[in-house]
Amino acid sequence: MAVTNDPGAVPVTRIEVLDFVAEAFDTVPARPHTLVEVAVRNGARDAVIAVLGRLPDVELREPQQLWDYLSEVPESLPQRR
């Protein structure tokens, strides 16, 4: 596997998403546009914003609900050997 410094080449993980949007759940319900705004304000990379942009316009009451709509996002990166 080639080593790259391109952050766009690194998959988005659930941990990364939550690092940037957790505070949006301080006031519920959270809506996808709010999650995007919070992520941008917190300096999320474009790949995270793109993942959040795939959410339907729904009310989210807890972070765990994100994965109902973004089930393909892995929890963490695979361990390197």
PDB file of N, CA and C in Angstrom:
ATOM      1  N   MET A   1       0.844  -1.185   0.000  1.00  0.00           N
ATOM      2  CA  MET A   1       0.000   0.000   0.000  1.00  0.00           C
ATOM      3  C   MET A   1       0.888   1.246   0.000  1.00  0.00           C
ATOM      4  N   ALA A   2       0.621   2.150  -0.870  1.00  0.00           N
ATOM      5  CA  ALA A   2       1.418   3.370  -0.985  1.00  0.00           C
ATOM      6  C   ALA A   2       1.105   4.318   0.164  1.00  0.00           C
ATOM      7  N   VAL A   3       2.119   4.977   0.631  1.00  0.00           N
ATOM      8  CA  VAL A   3       1.944   5.979   1.677  1.00  0.00           C
ATOM      9  C   VAL A   3       1.579   7.284   0.994  1.00  0.00           C
ATOM     10  N   THR A   4       0.589   7.953   1.540  1.00  0.00           N
ATOM     11  CA  THR A   4       0.151   9.215   0.945  1.00  0.00           C
ATOM     12  C   THR A   4      -0.076  10.250   2.030  1.00  0.00           C
ATOM     13  N   ASN A   5       0.143  11.487   1.696  1.00  0.00           N
ATOM     14  CA  ASN A   5      -0.152  12.592   2.600  1.00  0.00           C
ATOM     15  C   ASN A   5      -1.452  13.278   2.210  1.00  0.00           C
ATOM     16  N   ASP A   6      -2.161  12.705   1.265  1.00  0.00           N
ATOM     17  CA  ASP A   6      -3.420  13.269   0.788  1.00  0.00           C
ATOM     18  C   ASP A   6      -4.540  12.882   1.745  1.00  0.00           C
ATOM     19  N   PRO A   7      -5.076  13.856   2.537  1.00  0.00           N
ATOM     20  CA  PRO A   7      -6.139  13.512   3.477  1.00  0.00           C
ATOM     21  C   PRO A   7      -7.403  13.014   2.787  1.00  0.00           C
ATOM     22  N   GLY A   8      -7.591  13.356   1.522  1.00  0.00           N
ATOM     23  CA  GLY A   8      -8.759  12.874   0.793  1.00  0.00           C
ATOM     24  C   GLY A   8      -8.683  11.396   0.489  1.00  0.00           C
ATOM     25  N   ALA A   9      -7.482  10.840   0.561  1.00  0.00           N
ATOM     26  CA  ALA A   9      -7.300   9.417   0.283  1.00  0.00           C
ATOM     27  C   ALA A   9      -7.587   8.557   1.512  1.00  0.00           C
ATOM     28  N   VAL A  10      -7.712   9.173   2.671  1.00  0.00           N
ATOM     29  CA  VAL A  10      -7.991   8.454   3.909  1.00  0.00           C
ATOM     30  C   VAL A  10      -9.503   8.396   4.101  1.00  0.00           C
ATOM     31  N   PRO A  11     -10.068   7.203   4.298  1.00  0.00           N
ATOM     32  CA  PRO A  11     -11.519   7.102   4.465  1.00  0.00           C
ATOM     33  C   PRO A  11     -12.008   7.849   5.711  1.00  0.00           C
ATOM     34  N   VAL A  12     -13.201   8.382   5.609  1.00  0.00           N
ATOM     35  CA  VAL A  12     -13.861   9.007   6.752  1.00  0.00           C
ATOM     36  C   VAL A  12     -14.329   7.894   7.681  1.00  0.00           C
ATOM     37  N   THR A  13     -14.160   8.097   8.979  1.00  0.00           N
ATOM     38  CA  THR A  13     -14.627   7.120   9.960  1.00  0.00           C
ATOM     39  C   THR A  13     -15.702   7.735  10.851  1.00  0.00           C
ATOM     40  N   ARG A  14     -16.423   6.862  11.536  1.00  0.00           N
ATOM     41  CA  ARG A  14     -17.448   7.339  12.471  1.00  0.00           C
ATOM     42  C   ARG A  14     -16.818   8.178  13.572  1.00  0.00           C
ATOM     43  N   ILE A  15     -15.654   7.771  14.021  1.00  0.00           N
ATOM     44  CA  ILE A  15     -14.964   8.516  15.073  1.00  0.00           C
ATOM     45  C   ILE A  15     -14.654   9.929  14.594  1.00  0.00           C
ATOM     46  N   GLU A  16     -14.178  10.051  13.365  1.00  0.00           N
ATOM     47  CA  GLU A  16     -13.866  11.373  12.819  1.00  0.00           C
ATOM     48  C   GLU A  16     -15.127  12.225  12.695  1.00  0.00           C
ATOM     49  N   VAL A  17     -16.198  11.646  12.187  1.00  0.00           N
ATOM     50  CA  VAL A  17     -17.456  12.388  12.064  1.00  0.00           C
ATOM     51  C   VAL A  17     -17.870  12.919  13.430  1.00  0.00           C
ATOM     52  N   LEU A  18     -17.873  12.053  14.434  1.00  0.00           N
ATOM     53  CA  LEU A  18     -18.308  12.467  15.768  1.00  0.00           C
ATOM     54  C   LEU A  18     -17.387  13.517  16.371  1.00  0.00           C
ATOM     55  N   ASP A  19     -16.096  13.448  16.073  1.00  0.00           N
ATOM     56  CA  ASP A  19     -15.170  14.473  16.561  1.00  0.00           C
ATOM     57  C   ASP A  19     -15.603  15.866  16.119  1.00  0.00           C
ATOM     58  N   PHE A  20     -16.180  15.969  14.938  1.00  0.00           N
ATOM     59  CA  PHE A  20     -16.544  17.273  14.390  1.00  0.00           C
ATOM     60  C   PHE A  20     -17.987  17.683  14.637  1.00  0.00           C
ATOM     61  N   VAL A  21     -18.888  16.747  14.930  1.00  0.00           N
ATOM     62  CA  VAL A  21     -20.308  17.111  15.045  1.00  0.00           C
ATOM     63  C   VAL A  21     -20.931  16.835  16.406  1.00  0.00           C
ATOM     64  N   ALA A  22     -20.211  16.250  17.333  1.00  0.00           N
ATOM     65  CA  ALA A  22     -20.809  15.856  18.618  1.00  0.00           C
ATOM     66  C   ALA A  22     -21.535  17.013  19.299  1.00  0.00           C
ATOM     67  N   GLU A  23     -20.964  18.200  19.251  1.00  0.00           N
ATOM     68  CA  GLU A  23     -21.582  19.338  19.939  1.00  0.00           C
ATOM     69  C   GLU A  23     -22.935  19.723  19.343  1.00  0.00           C
ATOM     70  N   ALA A  24     -23.201  19.337  18.108  1.00  0.00           N
ATOM     71  CA  ALA A  24     -24.499  19.641  17.488  1.00  0.00           C
ATOM     72  C   ALA A  24     -25.631  18.930  18.217  1.00  0.00           C
ATOM     73  N   PHE A  25     -25.303  17.873  18.942  1.00  0.00           N
ATOM     74  CA  PHE A  25     -26.323  17.124  19.669  1.00  0.00           C
ATOM     75  C   PHE A  25     -26.547  17.665  21.075  1.00  0.00           C
ATOM     76  N   ASP A  26     -25.878  18.764  21.429  1.00  0.00           N
ATOM     77  CA  ASP A  26     -26.126  19.406  22.721  1.00  0.00           C
ATOM     78  C   ASP A  26     -27.537  19.968  22.767  1.00  0.00           C
ATOM     79  N   THR A  27     -28.051  20.363  21.615  1.00  0.00           N
ATOM     80  CA  THR A  27     -29.424  20.839  21.478  1.00  0.00           C
ATOM     81  C   THR A  27     -30.088  19.951  20.442  1.00  0.00           C
ATOM     82  N   VAL A  28     -31.071  19.192  20.880  1.00  0.00           N
ATOM     83  CA  VAL A  28     -31.745  18.279  19.946  1.00  0.00           C
ATOM     84  C   VAL A  28     -33.150  18.789  19.660  1.00  0.00           C
ATOM     85  N   PRO A  29     -33.710  18.457  18.531  1.00  0.00           N
ATOM     86  CA  PRO A  29     -33.125  17.594  17.518  1.00  0.00           C
ATOM     87  C   PRO A  29     -32.096  18.344  16.679  1.00  0.00           C
ATOM     88  N   ALA A  30     -31.131  17.586  16.196  1.00  0.00           N
ATOM     89  CA  ALA A  30     -30.137  18.121  15.259  1.00  0.00           C
ATOM     90  C   ALA A  30     -30.595  17.769  13.849  1.00  0.00           C
ATOM     91  N   ARG A  31     -30.377  18.679  12.934  1.00  0.00           N
ATOM     92  CA  ARG A  31     -30.727  18.433  11.530  1.00  0.00           C
ATOM     93  C   ARG A  31     -29.438  18.379  10.717  1.00  0.00           C
ATOM     94  N   PRO A  32     -29.468  17.707   9.582  1.00  0.00           N
ATOM     95  CA  PRO A  32     -28.250  17.571   8.778  1.00  0.00           C
ATOM     96  C   PRO A  32     -27.564  18.896   8.444  1.00  0.00           C
ATOM     97  N   HIS A  33     -28.335  19.931   8.112  1.00  0.00           N
ATOM     98  CA  HIS A  33     -27.695  21.213   7.773  1.00  0.00           C
ATOM     99  C   HIS A  33     -26.950  21.782   8.977  1.00  0.00           C
ATOM    100  N   THR A  34     -27.460  21.535  10.183  1.00  0.00           N
ATOM    101  CA  THR A  34     -26.773  21.977  11.391  1.00  0.00           C
ATOM    102  C   THR A  34     -25.482  21.195  11.592  1.00  0.00           C
ATOM    103  N   LEU A  35     -25.532  19.892  11.321  1.00  0.00           N
ATOM    104  CA  LEU A  35     -24.329  19.070  11.449  1.00  0.00           C
ATOM    105  C   LEU A  35     -23.245  19.561  10.495  1.00  0.00           C
ATOM    106  N   VAL A  36     -23.633  19.895   9.276  1.00  0.00           N
ATOM    107  CA  VAL A  36     -22.664  20.408   8.303  1.00  0.00           C
ATOM    108  C   VAL A  36     -22.080  21.732   8.792  1.00  0.00           C
ATOM    109  N   GLU A  37     -22.924  22.624   9.276  1.00  0.00           N
ATOM    110  CA  GLU A  37     -22.445  23.922   9.767  1.00  0.00           C
ATOM    111  C   GLU A  37     -21.454  23.746  10.912  1.00  0.00           C
ATOM    112  N   VAL A  38     -21.779  22.864  11.849  1.00  0.00           N
ATOM    113  CA  VAL A  38     -20.901  22.620  12.998  1.00  0.00           C
ATOM    114  C   VAL A  38     -19.584  22.001  12.535  1.00  0.00           C
ATOM    115  N   ALA A  39     -19.663  21.050  11.619  1.00  0.00           N
ATOM    116  CA  ALA A  39     -18.447  20.402  11.115  1.00  0.00           C
ATOM    117  C   ALA A  39     -17.543  21.409  10.410  1.00  0.00           C
ATOM    118  N   VAL A  40     -18.117  22.277   9.594  1.00  0.00           N
ATOM    119  CA  VAL A  40     -17.328  23.304   8.902  1.00  0.00           C
ATOM    120  C   VAL A  40     -16.681  24.232   9.929  1.00  0.00           C
ATOM    121  N   ARG A  41     -17.455  24.684  10.889  1.00  0.00           N
ATOM    122  CA  ARG A  41     -16.941  25.582  11.927  1.00  0.00           C
ATOM    123  C   ARG A  41     -15.788  24.934  12.705  1.00  0.00           C
ATOM    124  N   ASN A  42     -15.871  23.612  12.887  1.00  0.00           N
ATOM    125  CA  ASN A  42     -14.844  22.899  13.644  1.00  0.00           C
ATOM    126  C   ASN A  42     -13.669  22.437  12.785  1.00  0.00           C
ATOM    127  N   GLY A  43     -13.678  22.798  11.499  1.00  0.00           N
ATOM    128  CA  GLY A  43     -12.535  22.514  10.640  1.00  0.00           C
ATOM    129  C   GLY A  43     -12.500  21.137  10.014  1.00  0.00           C
ATOM    130  N   ALA A  44     -13.649  20.508   9.840  1.00  0.00           N
ATOM    131  CA  ALA A  44     -13.697  19.180   9.212  1.00  0.00           C
ATOM    132  C   ALA A  44     -13.207  19.254   7.774  1.00  0.00           C
ATOM    133  N   ARG A  45     -12.556  18.195   7.350  1.00  0.00           N
ATOM    134  CA  ARG A  45     -12.088  18.143   5.962  1.00  0.00           C
ATOM    135  C   ARG A  45     -13.272  17.922   5.020  1.00  0.00           C
ATOM    136  N   ASP A  46     -13.039  18.189   3.748  1.00  0.00           N
ATOM    137  CA  ASP A  46     -14.100  18.107   2.737  1.00  0.00           C
ATOM    138  C   ASP A  46     -14.768  16.739   2.686  1.00  0.00           C
ATOM    139  N   ALA A  47     -14.005  15.680   2.908  1.00  0.00           N
ATOM    140  CA  ALA A  47     -14.578  14.329   2.847  1.00  0.00           C
ATOM    141  C   ALA A  47     -15.629  14.116   3.933  1.00  0.00           C
ATOM    142  N   VAL A  48     -15.426  14.701   5.108  1.00  0.00           N
ATOM    143  CA  VAL A  48     -16.409  14.592   6.196  1.00  0.00           C
ATOM    144  C   VAL A  48     -17.668  15.363   5.820  1.00  0.00           C
ATOM    145  N   ILE A  49     -17.492  16.547   5.273  1.00  0.00           N
ATOM    146  CA  ILE A  49     -18.635  17.366   4.853  1.00  0.00           C
ATOM    147  C   ILE A  49     -19.430  16.625   3.785  1.00  0.00           C
ATOM    148  N   ALA A  50     -18.742  15.977   2.869  1.00  0.00           N
ATOM    149  CA  ALA A  50     -19.425  15.218   1.812  1.00  0.00           C
ATOM    150  C   ALA A  50     -20.246  14.074   2.397  1.00  0.00           C
ATOM    151  N   VAL A  51     -19.706  13.382   3.382  1.00  0.00           N
ATOM    152  CA  VAL A  51     -20.451  12.291   4.031  1.00  0.00           C
ATOM    153  C   VAL A  51     -21.704  12.853   4.695  1.00  0.00           C
ATOM    154  N   LEU A  52     -21.564  13.936   5.425  1.00  0.00           N
ATOM    155  CA  LEU A  52     -22.722  14.538   6.092  1.00  0.00           C
ATOM    156  C   LEU A  52     -23.748  15.032   5.077  1.00  0.00           C
ATOM    157  N   GLY A  53     -23.291  15.447   3.916  1.00  0.00           N
ATOM    158  CA  GLY A  53     -24.185  15.911   2.862  1.00  0.00           C
ATOM    159  C   GLY A  53     -25.077  14.821   2.296  1.00  0.00           C
ATOM    160  N   ARG A  54     -24.760  13.578   2.572  1.00  0.00           N
ATOM    161  CA  ARG A  54     -25.594  12.463   2.099  1.00  0.00           C
ATOM    162  C   ARG A  54     -26.761  12.157   3.033  1.00  0.00           C
ATOM    163  N   LEU A  55     -26.803  12.805   4.188  1.00  0.00           N
ATOM    164  CA  LEU A  55     -27.902  12.553   5.126  1.00  0.00           C
ATOM    165  C   LEU A  55     -29.214  13.106   4.579  1.00  0.00           C
ATOM    166  N   PRO A  56     -30.313  12.366   4.772  1.00  0.00           N
ATOM    167  CA  PRO A  56     -31.616  12.916   4.391  1.00  0.00           C
ATOM    168  C   PRO A  56     -32.018  13.999   5.396  1.00  0.00           C
ATOM    169  N   ASP A  57     -32.998  14.797   5.055  1.00  0.00           N
ATOM    170  CA  ASP A  57     -33.459  15.868   5.939  1.00  0.00           C
ATOM    171  C   ASP A  57     -34.350  15.271   7.023  1.00  0.00           C
ATOM    172  N   VAL A  58     -33.705  14.822   8.093  1.00  0.00           N
ATOM    173  CA  VAL A  58     -34.412  14.191   9.211  1.00  0.00           C
ATOM    174  C   VAL A  58     -33.961  14.838  10.511  1.00  0.00           C
ATOM    175  N   GLU A  59     -34.750  14.630  11.564  1.00  0.00           N
ATOM    176  CA  GLU A  59     -34.358  15.070  12.896  1.00  0.00           C
ATOM    177  C   GLU A  59     -33.582  13.947  13.563  1.00  0.00           C
ATOM    178  N   LEU A  60     -32.444  14.302  14.131  1.00  0.00           N
ATOM    179  CA  LEU A  60     -31.604  13.328  14.819  1.00  0.00           C
ATOM    180  C   LEU A  60     -31.535  13.707  16.294  1.00  0.00           C
ATOM    181  N   ARG A  61     -31.859  12.770  17.148  1.00  0.00           N
ATOM    182  CA  ARG A  61     -31.877  13.038  18.583  1.00  0.00           C
ATOM    183  C   ARG A  61     -30.632  12.547  19.301  1.00  0.00           C
ATOM    184  N   GLU A  62     -29.891  11.656  18.673  1.00  0.00           N
ATOM    185  CA  GLU A  62     -28.653  11.162  19.275  1.00  0.00           C
ATOM    186  C   GLU A  62     -27.677  10.777  18.169  1.00  0.00           C
ATOM    187  N   PRO A  63     -26.389  10.877  18.450  1.00  0.00           N
ATOM    188  CA  PRO A  63     -25.389  10.588  17.418  1.00  0.00           C
ATOM    189  C   PRO A  63     -25.523   9.199  16.809  1.00  0.00           C
ATOM    190  N   GLN A  64     -25.937   8.228  17.583  1.00  0.00           N
ATOM    191  CA  GLN A  64     -26.052   6.859  17.077  1.00  0.00           C
ATOM    192  C   GLN A  64     -26.978   6.779  15.860  1.00  0.00           C
ATOM    193  N   GLN A  65     -27.930   7.674  15.755  1.00  0.00           N
ATOM    194  CA  GLN A  65     -28.858   7.671  14.614  1.00  0.00           C
ATOM    195  C   GLN A  65     -28.160   7.972  13.291  1.00  0.00           C
ATOM    196  N   LEU A  66     -27.011   8.605  13.335  1.00  0.00           N
ATOM    197  CA  LEU A  66     -26.276   8.888  12.097  1.00  0.00           C
ATOM    198  C   LEU A  66     -26.023   7.615  11.303  1.00  0.00           C
ATOM    199  N   TRP A  67     -25.730   6.540  12.005  1.00  0.00           N
ATOM    200  CA  TRP A  67     -25.313   5.300  11.338  1.00  0.00           C
ATOM    201  C   TRP A  67     -26.482   4.552  10.710  1.00  0.00           C
ATOM    202  N   ASP A  68     -27.705   4.939  11.069  1.00  0.00           N
ATOM    203  CA  ASP A  68     -28.871   4.390  10.361  1.00  0.00           C
ATOM    204  C   ASP A  68     -28.851   4.841   8.898  1.00  0.00           C
ATOM    205  N   TYR A  69     -28.288   6.018   8.647  1.00  0.00           N
ATOM    206  CA  TYR A  69     -28.256   6.602   7.304  1.00  0.00           C
ATOM    207  C   TYR A  69     -26.878   6.514   6.651  1.00  0.00           C
ATOM    208  N   LEU A  70     -25.857   6.312   7.471  1.00  0.00           N
ATOM    209  CA  LEU A  70     -24.482   6.275   6.971  1.00  0.00           C
ATOM    210  C   LEU A  70     -23.810   4.965   7.389  1.00  0.00           C
ATOM    211  N   SER A  71     -24.502   3.882   7.193  1.00  0.00           N
ATOM    212  CA  SER A  71     -24.015   2.581   7.678  1.00  0.00           C
ATOM    213  C   SER A  71     -22.705   2.150   7.020  1.00  0.00           C
ATOM    214  N   GLU A  72     -22.396   2.687   5.849  1.00  0.00           N
ATOM    215  CA  GLU A  72     -21.165   2.299   5.159  1.00  0.00           C
ATOM    216  C   GLU A  72     -19.915   2.945   5.752  1.00  0.00           C
ATOM    217  N   VAL A  73     -20.093   3.934   6.621  1.00  0.00           N
ATOM    218  CA  VAL A  73     -18.947   4.605   7.229  1.00  0.00           C
ATOM    219  C   VAL A  73     -18.378   3.696   8.320  1.00  0.00           C
ATOM    220  N   PRO A  74     -17.092   3.328   8.204  1.00  0.00           N
ATOM    221  CA  PRO A  74     -16.509   2.423   9.200  1.00  0.00           C
ATOM    222  C   PRO A  74     -16.291   3.123  10.540  1.00  0.00           C
ATOM    223  N   GLU A  75     -16.287   2.323  11.596  1.00  0.00           N
ATOM    224  CA  GLU A  75     -16.058   2.888  12.925  1.00  0.00           C
ATOM    225  C   GLU A  75     -14.656   3.493  13.026  1.00  0.00           C
ATOM    226  N   SER A  76     -13.692   2.762  12.522  1.00  0.00           N
ATOM    227  CA  SER A  76     -12.308   3.238  12.568  1.00  0.00           C
ATOM    228  C   SER A  76     -11.556   2.690  11.357  1.00  0.00           C
ATOM    229  N   LEU A  77     -10.340   3.141  11.194  1.00  0.00           N
ATOM    230  CA  LEU A  77      -9.517   2.656  10.086  1.00  0.00           C
ATOM    231  C   LEU A  77      -8.993   1.261  10.410  1.00  0.00           C
ATOM    232  N   PRO A  78      -8.828   0.425   9.396  1.00  0.00           N
ATOM    233  CA  PRO A  78      -8.252  -0.900   9.638  1.00  0.00           C
ATOM    234  C   PRO A  78      -6.822  -0.764  10.167  1.00  0.00           C
ATOM    235  N   GLN A  79      -6.439  -1.686  11.000  1.00  0.00           N
ATOM    236  CA  GLN A  79      -5.077  -1.678  11.538  1.00  0.00           C
ATOM    237  C   GLN A  79      -4.078  -1.976  10.434  1.00  0.00           C
ATOM    238  N   ARG A  80      -3.019  -1.209  10.397  1.00  0.00           N
ATOM    239  CA  ARG A  80      -1.952  -1.447   9.412  1.00  0.00           C
ATOM    240  C   ARG A  80      -1.067  -2.563   9.919  1.00  0.00           C
ATOM    241  N   ARG A  81      -0.618  -3.392   9.014  1.00  0.00           N
ATOM    242  CA  ARG A  81       0.255  -4.514   9.402  1.00  0.00           C
ATOM    243  C   ARG A  81       1.690  -4.202   9.134  1.00  0.00           C
TER     244      ARG A  81
END
